[in-house]
Amino acid sequence: MVRARFTLADIQEKALAIVDRQGLGSLTMRSLAGALGTGPMTLYNYVTDKGALEELVVDAVVAGITIPEPTGDWRVDVAAVARAVWRAVRDHPGAIPLVLTRRSSSTAAYGPAEALIAALRTAGLPEKDVLTAFRAVLAFVMGLAQVELTNPPGGAHGEPDGTTEIHRLAQAGHPNIARMALLRRDSDPDVDFEQGLALLLRGIGAARE
């Protein structure tokens, strides 16, 4: 029997490294084959197409989410899950579009969602409100990641800084947008995350009461 030259873990690791270093647009069968030192056709022994390859990248990002043991305090536990997801996508901003648009091919992706739902249920919310709060927390984390990490004020992967241009264009008739553009240029995504999470938890707490 011929022994496999690579494992899926090898392919996954190299694919994520390409996305991290060069951006999502640089991930192709050809570029990955070059990183592995093989030909593009060899990869089809491991993945059926580029879509399957992108699912491996999503799996790799999700695998980096480490959920702490629950404390029984819903605020602490919801915040812990949100922070764990934030840190994972923070480490791999180039992969965020895939995390947003592609389902993971592994049930390991269910872990963070399961932990978040469990934490929200301990808040004593009605089941319908648990679903609403679950969506709100995930939407906040991934929405902030998409806005701040895939398109940072200084540009990503060589892209130009759009914040200064937004400020210039908005000054004449849209002063609020111009002001927010300046604030964003000087903001820190991690600080914004913590402040937004605190606001969201207060809102969930108010709904609970």
Protein backbone atom coordinates (compact mmCIF):
# COMPACT_ATOMS: atom_id res chain seq x y z
CA MET A 1 0.00 0.00 0.00
CA VAL A 2 1.32 3.46 -0.93
CA ARG A 3 1.71 5.67 2.10
CA ALA A 4 0.11 9.12 1.88
CA ARG A 5 2.70 11.84 1.40
CA PHE A 6 0.74 14.42 3.37
CA THR A 7 -1.97 14.48 5.99
CA LEU A 8 -5.00 16.73 6.00
CA ALA A 9 -3.40 18.48 8.98
CA ASP A 10 -0.34 19.30 6.83
CA ILE A 11 -2.53 20.76 4.10
CA GLN A 12 -4.65 22.64 6.60
CA GLU A 13 -1.60 24.17 8.30
CA LYS A 14 -0.03 25.34 5.03
CA ALA A 15 -3.31 26.70 3.70
CA LEU A 16 -3.93 28.77 6.82
CA ALA A 17 -0.33 30.02 6.75
CA ILE A 18 -0.82 31.29 3.17
CA VAL A 19 -4.00 33.11 4.18
CA ASP A 20 -2.28 34.62 7.23
CA ARG A 21 0.75 35.84 5.31
CA GLN A 22 -0.65 36.82 1.93
CA GLY A 23 -4.41 37.09 2.25
CA LEU A 24 -7.32 34.94 1.15
CA GLY A 25 -6.91 35.80 -2.52
CA SER A 26 -3.50 34.11 -2.54
CA LEU A 27 -4.88 30.72 -1.53
CA THR A 28 -5.08 28.57 -4.66
CA MET A 29 -4.38 24.93 -5.39
CA ARG A 30 -1.21 26.04 -7.17
CA SER A 31 0.09 28.24 -4.34
CA LEU A 32 -0.65 25.56 -1.76
CA ALA A 33 1.03 22.88 -3.87
CA GLY A 34 4.09 25.10 -4.12
CA ALA A 35 4.19 25.57 -0.35
CA LEU A 36 3.99 21.79 0.10
CA GLY A 37 6.60 21.11 -2.58
CA THR A 38 4.30 19.10 -4.82
CA GLY A 39 2.11 19.51 -7.91
CA PRO A 40 -1.45 20.89 -7.85
CA MET A 41 -2.98 17.61 -9.00
CA THR A 42 -1.58 15.84 -5.94
CA LEU A 43 -3.87 17.91 -3.73
CA TYR A 44 -6.97 16.40 -5.31
CA ASN A 45 -6.08 13.17 -3.51
CA TYR A 46 -6.87 15.00 -0.29
CA VAL A 47 -9.49 17.67 -1.11
CA THR A 48 -12.13 17.57 -3.84
CA ASP A 49 -11.95 21.26 -4.78
CA LYS A 50 -11.05 24.70 -3.51
CA GLY A 51 -14.29 24.85 -1.54
CA ALA A 52 -13.23 21.82 0.49
CA LEU A 53 -9.84 23.44 1.00
CA GLU A 54 -11.49 26.59 2.34
CA GLU A 55 -13.53 24.47 4.76
CA LEU A 56 -10.25 23.10 6.11
CA VAL A 57 -9.10 26.67 6.75
CA VAL A 58 -12.32 27.39 8.65
CA ASP A 59 -11.78 24.21 10.69
CA ALA A 60 -8.26 25.36 11.53
CA VAL A 61 -9.50 28.71 12.83
CA VAL A 62 -12.30 27.10 14.84
CA ALA A 63 -9.83 24.62 16.32
CA GLY A 64 -8.04 27.58 17.89
CA ILE A 65 -11.09 28.50 20.00
CA THR A 66 -10.48 27.38 23.57
CA ILE A 67 -13.52 27.66 25.84
CA PRO A 68 -12.88 27.94 29.60
CA GLU A 69 -14.84 25.81 32.02
CA PRO A 70 -18.20 27.43 32.93
CA THR A 71 -18.37 29.31 36.22
CA GLY A 72 -22.16 29.39 36.60
CA ASP A 73 -22.15 33.20 36.27
CA TRP A 74 -23.84 33.86 32.92
CA ARG A 75 -22.11 37.20 32.36
CA VAL A 76 -18.66 35.75 32.99
CA ASP A 77 -19.36 32.71 30.83
CA VAL A 78 -20.90 34.60 27.91
CA ALA A 79 -17.97 37.01 27.95
CA ALA A 80 -15.50 34.11 28.06
CA VAL A 81 -16.99 32.48 24.96
CA ALA A 82 -17.16 35.80 23.10
CA ARG A 83 -13.53 36.54 23.94
CA ALA A 84 -12.41 33.07 22.87
CA VAL A 85 -14.06 33.49 19.46
CA TRP A 86 -12.69 37.02 19.13
CA ARG A 87 -9.12 35.89 19.89
CA ALA A 88 -9.33 33.09 17.34
CA VAL A 89 -10.45 35.34 14.49
CA ARG A 90 -8.12 38.11 15.70
CA ASP A 91 -5.19 35.75 15.10
CA HIS A 92 -6.32 35.00 11.53
CA PRO A 93 -7.95 38.12 10.05
CA GLY A 94 -7.40 36.96 6.48
CA ALA A 95 -9.63 33.94 7.11
CA ILE A 96 -12.57 35.94 8.49
CA PRO A 97 -14.48 36.08 5.17
CA LEU A 98 -14.39 32.27 5.07
CA VAL A 99 -15.50 31.94 8.69
CA LEU A 100 -18.43 34.22 7.88
CA THR A 101 -19.52 32.51 4.69
CA ARG A 102 -18.51 28.85 4.89
CA ARG A 103 -19.72 26.21 7.29
CA SER A 104 -17.11 24.17 9.08
CA SER A 105 -16.89 20.54 7.98
CA SER A 106 -16.26 19.47 11.59
CA THR A 107 -18.64 19.18 14.52
CA ALA A 108 -15.86 20.75 16.60
CA ALA A 109 -17.32 24.05 15.39
CA TYR A 110 -20.38 23.33 17.54
CA GLY A 111 -18.37 23.67 20.74
CA PRO A 112 -18.32 27.48 21.05
CA ALA A 113 -21.99 27.75 20.02
CA GLU A 114 -23.00 25.10 22.53
CA ALA A 115 -21.08 26.86 25.32
CA LEU A 116 -22.60 30.24 24.45
CA ILE A 117 -26.15 28.89 24.42
CA ALA A 118 -25.58 27.10 27.72
CA ALA A 119 -24.27 30.31 29.31
CA LEU A 120 -27.24 32.33 28.07
CA ARG A 121 -29.69 29.75 29.34
CA THR A 122 -28.29 30.13 32.86
CA ALA A 123 -29.31 33.81 32.66
CA GLY A 124 -32.94 32.68 33.00
CA LEU A 125 -34.04 34.12 29.67
CA PRO A 126 -37.07 32.70 27.83
CA GLU A 127 -36.02 30.28 25.10
CA LYS A 128 -36.86 32.75 22.33
CA ASP A 129 -34.75 35.40 24.01
CA VAL A 130 -31.87 32.94 24.33
CA LEU A 131 -31.89 32.56 20.56
CA THR A 132 -32.03 36.33 20.07
CA ALA A 133 -29.17 36.93 22.53
CA PHE A 134 -27.13 34.13 20.94
CA ARG A 135 -27.46 35.74 17.52
CA ALA A 136 -26.69 39.18 18.94
CA VAL A 137 -23.45 38.05 20.61
CA LEU A 138 -22.20 36.18 17.53
CA ALA A 139 -23.23 39.04 15.24
CA PHE A 140 -21.35 41.51 17.42
CA VAL A 141 -18.14 39.47 17.54
CA MET A 142 -18.06 38.55 13.86
CA GLY A 143 -19.39 41.91 12.67
CA LEU A 144 -16.68 43.77 14.57
CA ALA A 145 -14.10 41.32 13.26
CA GLN A 146 -15.23 41.88 9.69
CA VAL A 147 -15.17 45.67 9.98
CA GLU A 148 -12.07 46.17 12.11
CA LEU A 149 -9.84 43.20 11.31
CA THR A 150 -10.43 42.55 7.60
CA ASN A 151 -10.38 46.28 6.83
CA PRO A 152 -8.25 47.96 9.51
CA PRO A 153 -7.73 51.75 9.39
CA GLY A 154 -4.19 51.23 8.10
CA GLY A 155 -5.28 48.80 5.37
CA ALA A 156 -4.76 45.03 5.17
CA HIS A 157 -2.34 43.07 2.98
CA GLY A 158 -1.13 46.22 1.24
CA GLU A 159 -4.56 47.78 0.72
CA PRO A 160 -4.81 51.58 1.11
CA ASP A 161 -6.12 53.28 4.23
CA GLY A 162 -9.74 54.21 3.52
CA THR A 163 -10.50 55.92 6.83
CA THR A 164 -8.79 59.21 5.95
CA GLU A 165 -10.56 59.29 2.59
CA ILE A 166 -13.95 58.65 4.24
CA HIS A 167 -13.27 61.54 6.62
CA ARG A 168 -12.35 63.85 3.72
CA LEU A 169 -15.40 63.01 1.66
CA ALA A 170 -17.86 63.14 4.57
CA GLN A 171 -16.82 66.48 6.04
CA ALA A 172 -19.04 68.62 3.80
CA GLY A 173 -22.45 67.09 4.42
CA HIS A 174 -22.02 64.17 6.81
CA PRO A 175 -20.28 65.47 9.95
CA ASN A 176 -21.20 62.48 12.09
CA ILE A 177 -19.60 60.04 9.66
CA ALA A 178 -16.54 62.29 9.44
CA ARG A 179 -16.23 62.30 13.22
CA MET A 180 -16.62 58.53 13.49
CA ALA A 181 -13.98 58.06 10.79
CA LEU A 182 -11.49 60.02 12.88
CA LEU A 183 -12.40 58.06 15.99
CA ARG A 184 -11.99 54.78 14.14
CA ARG A 185 -8.58 55.78 12.81
CA ASP A 186 -7.31 56.16 16.38
CA SER A 187 -9.24 53.25 17.90
CA ASP A 188 -7.99 49.89 19.12
CA PRO A 189 -10.04 46.84 18.03
CA ASP A 190 -9.49 45.01 21.31
CA VAL A 191 -10.63 48.01 23.35
CA ASP A 192 -13.64 48.45 21.08
CA PHE A 193 -14.45 44.77 21.51
CA GLU A 194 -14.40 44.93 25.31
CA GLN A 195 -16.50 48.11 25.42
CA GLY A 196 -19.03 46.76 22.96
CA LEU A 197 -19.25 43.44 24.80
CA ALA A 198 -19.90 45.27 28.08
CA LEU A 199 -22.75 47.21 26.47
CA LEU A 200 -24.22 44.05 25.00
CA LEU A 201 -24.09 42.20 28.33
CA ARG A 202 -25.86 45.10 30.02
CA GLY A 203 -28.57 44.94 27.39
CA ILE A 204 -29.04 41.20 27.87
CA GLY A 205 -29.14 41.77 31.62
CA ALA A 206 -31.84 44.42 31.21
CA ALA A 207 -33.93 42.05 29.08
CA ARG A 208 -33.54 39.38 31.75
CA GLU A 209 -34.83 41.72 34.43
